């Protein structure tokens, strides 16, 4: 964060909360907290693993994250030969 009041500081989290509310919370009448936790958890898994995002050219956040890990050298080294 760059400082108090900068609009970019919260734009990504605000978009996530908006999607969560409109796609999960407002569509379900949760009976209790356990049910809410379970369904919101399932929605977050869907959001990250299966839901394509226009920001990422149709990729999921997990696909983008895992691609970044490979580029940063965090993937296993396949060039190591067994002794």
C-alpha atoms as a PDB file:
ATOM      1  CA  UNK A   1       0.000   0.000   0.000  1.00  0.00           C
ATOM      2  CA  UNK A   2       1.258   3.407  -0.908  1.00  0.00           C
ATOM      3  CA  UNK A   3      -0.654   5.392   1.657  1.00  0.00           C
ATOM      4  CA  UNK A   4      -3.955   6.519   3.024  1.00  0.00           C
ATOM      5  CA  UNK A   5      -6.729   7.023   0.520  1.00  0.00           C
ATOM      6  CA  UNK A   6      -5.041   5.673  -2.606  1.00  0.00           C
ATOM      7  CA  UNK A   7      -7.769   4.015  -4.693  1.00  0.00           C
ATOM      8  CA  UNK A   8      -5.495   1.234  -5.997  1.00  0.00           C
ATOM      9  CA  UNK A   9      -4.884  -0.021  -2.456  1.00  0.00           C
ATOM     10  CA  UNK A  10      -8.287  -1.702  -2.222  1.00  0.00           C
ATOM     11  CA  UNK A  11      -9.512  -2.202  -5.794  1.00  0.00           C
ATOM     12  CA  UNK A  12      -8.634  -5.894  -6.046  1.00  0.00           C
ATOM     13  CA  UNK A  13     -10.094  -6.927  -2.697  1.00  0.00           C
ATOM     14  CA  UNK A  14     -13.227  -4.845  -3.307  1.00  0.00           C
ATOM     15  CA  UNK A  15     -13.778  -6.696  -6.605  1.00  0.00           C
ATOM     16  CA  UNK A  16     -13.351 -10.051  -4.854  1.00  0.00           C
ATOM     17  CA  UNK A  17     -15.871  -9.104  -2.140  1.00  0.00           C
ATOM     18  CA  UNK A  18     -18.353  -7.899  -4.769  1.00  0.00           C
ATOM     19  CA  UNK A  19     -18.123 -11.186  -6.662  1.00  0.00           C
ATOM     20  CA  UNK A  20     -18.421 -13.207  -3.451  1.00  0.00           C
ATOM     21  CA  UNK A  21     -21.526 -11.321  -2.343  1.00  0.00           C
ATOM     22  CA  UNK A  22     -23.352 -11.449  -5.683  1.00  0.00           C
ATOM     23  CA  UNK A  23     -22.377 -14.994  -6.693  1.00  0.00           C
ATOM     24  CA  UNK A  24     -22.589 -16.743  -3.309  1.00  0.00           C
ATOM     25  CA  UNK A  25     -23.804 -14.844  -0.256  1.00  0.00           C
ATOM     26  CA  UNK A  26     -26.879 -13.120  -1.718  1.00  0.00           C
ATOM     27  CA  UNK A  27     -28.005 -16.329  -3.466  1.00  0.00           C
ATOM     28  CA  UNK A  28     -27.997 -18.476  -0.314  1.00  0.00           C
ATOM     29  CA  UNK A  29     -29.956 -18.192   2.898  1.00  0.00           C
ATOM     30  CA  UNK A  30     -27.380 -19.575   5.302  1.00  0.00           C
ATOM     31  CA  UNK A  31     -28.924 -21.254   8.333  1.00  0.00           C
ATOM     32  CA  UNK A  32     -25.799 -20.947  10.481  1.00  0.00           C
ATOM     33  CA  UNK A  33     -22.136 -20.032  10.384  1.00  0.00           C
ATOM     34  CA  UNK A  34     -20.921 -23.555   9.633  1.00  0.00           C
ATOM     35  CA  UNK A  35     -23.023 -23.688   6.475  1.00  0.00           C
ATOM     36  CA  UNK A  36     -21.835 -20.214   5.422  1.00  0.00           C
ATOM     37  CA  UNK A  37     -18.201 -21.157   5.999  1.00  0.00           C
ATOM     38  CA  UNK A  38     -18.585 -24.350   3.948  1.00  0.00           C
ATOM     39  CA  UNK A  39     -20.329 -22.702   0.988  1.00  0.00           C
ATOM     40  CA  UNK A  40     -18.077 -19.646   0.938  1.00  0.00           C
ATOM     41  CA  UNK A  41     -15.048 -21.954   1.070  1.00  0.00           C
ATOM     42  CA  UNK A  42     -16.426 -23.934  -1.882  1.00  0.00           C
ATOM     43  CA  UNK A  43     -17.048 -20.685  -3.787  1.00  0.00           C
ATOM     44  CA  UNK A  44     -13.499 -19.464  -3.116  1.00  0.00           C
ATOM     45  CA  UNK A  45     -12.127 -22.782  -4.380  1.00  0.00           C
ATOM     46  CA  UNK A  46     -14.244 -22.398  -7.539  1.00  0.00           C
ATOM     47  CA  UNK A  47     -13.146 -18.766  -7.920  1.00  0.00           C
ATOM     48  CA  UNK A  48      -9.458 -19.677  -7.756  1.00  0.00           C
ATOM     49  CA  UNK A  49      -9.386 -23.060  -9.478  1.00  0.00           C
ATOM     50  CA  UNK A  50     -12.126 -23.271 -12.112  1.00  0.00           C
ATOM     51  CA  UNK A  51     -13.606 -19.827 -12.813  1.00  0.00           C
ATOM     52  CA  UNK A  52     -11.883 -18.116 -15.765  1.00  0.00           C
ATOM     53  CA  UNK A  53     -10.993 -14.449 -15.247  1.00  0.00           C
ATOM     54  CA  UNK A  54     -10.964 -11.843 -17.991  1.00  0.00           C
ATOM     55  CA  UNK A  55      -8.077 -10.099 -16.230  1.00  0.00           C
ATOM     56  CA  UNK A  56      -5.966 -13.217 -16.838  1.00  0.00           C
ATOM     57  CA  UNK A  57      -7.122 -13.781 -20.446  1.00  0.00           C
ATOM     58  CA  UNK A  58      -9.463 -16.604 -19.468  1.00  0.00           C
ATOM     59  CA  UNK A  59      -7.071 -18.330 -17.088  1.00  0.00           C
ATOM     60  CA  UNK A  60      -7.829 -19.091 -13.460  1.00  0.00           C
ATOM     61  CA  UNK A  61      -5.858 -17.429 -10.650  1.00  0.00           C
ATOM     62  CA  UNK A  62      -4.288 -20.810  -9.816  1.00  0.00           C
ATOM     63  CA  UNK A  63      -3.058 -21.226 -13.404  1.00  0.00           C
ATOM     64  CA  UNK A  64      -1.512 -17.761 -13.364  1.00  0.00           C
ATOM     65  CA  UNK A  65       0.045 -18.299  -9.923  1.00  0.00           C
ATOM     66  CA  UNK A  66       1.524 -21.677 -10.815  1.00  0.00           C
ATOM     67  CA  UNK A  67       2.930 -20.294 -14.071  1.00  0.00           C
ATOM     68  CA  UNK A  68       4.591 -17.487 -12.122  1.00  0.00           C
ATOM     69  CA  UNK A  69       6.157 -19.999  -9.709  1.00  0.00           C
ATOM     70  CA  UNK A  70       7.716 -21.844 -12.639  1.00  0.00           C
ATOM     71  CA  UNK A  71       9.128 -18.625 -14.083  1.00  0.00           C
ATOM     72  CA  UNK A  72      10.589 -17.681 -10.715  1.00  0.00           C
ATOM     73  CA  UNK A  73      12.543 -20.905 -10.479  1.00  0.00           C
ATOM     74  CA  UNK A  74      10.358 -22.657  -7.917  1.00  0.00           C
ATOM     75  CA  UNK A  75       9.583 -25.637 -10.111  1.00  0.00           C
ATOM     76  CA  UNK A  76      11.456 -28.892  -9.545  1.00  0.00           C
ATOM     77  CA  UNK A  77      14.692 -29.139 -11.465  1.00  0.00           C
ATOM     78  CA  UNK A  78      14.204 -31.845 -14.073  1.00  0.00           C
ATOM     79  CA  UNK A  79      17.835 -31.648 -15.169  1.00  0.00           C
ATOM     80  CA  UNK A  80      19.183 -33.342 -12.032  1.00  0.00           C
ATOM     81  CA  UNK A  81      20.267 -36.881 -12.832  1.00  0.00           C
ATOM     82  CA  UNK A  82      20.056 -39.746 -10.364  1.00  0.00           C
ATOM     83  CA  UNK A  83      23.402 -41.087  -9.164  1.00  0.00           C
END
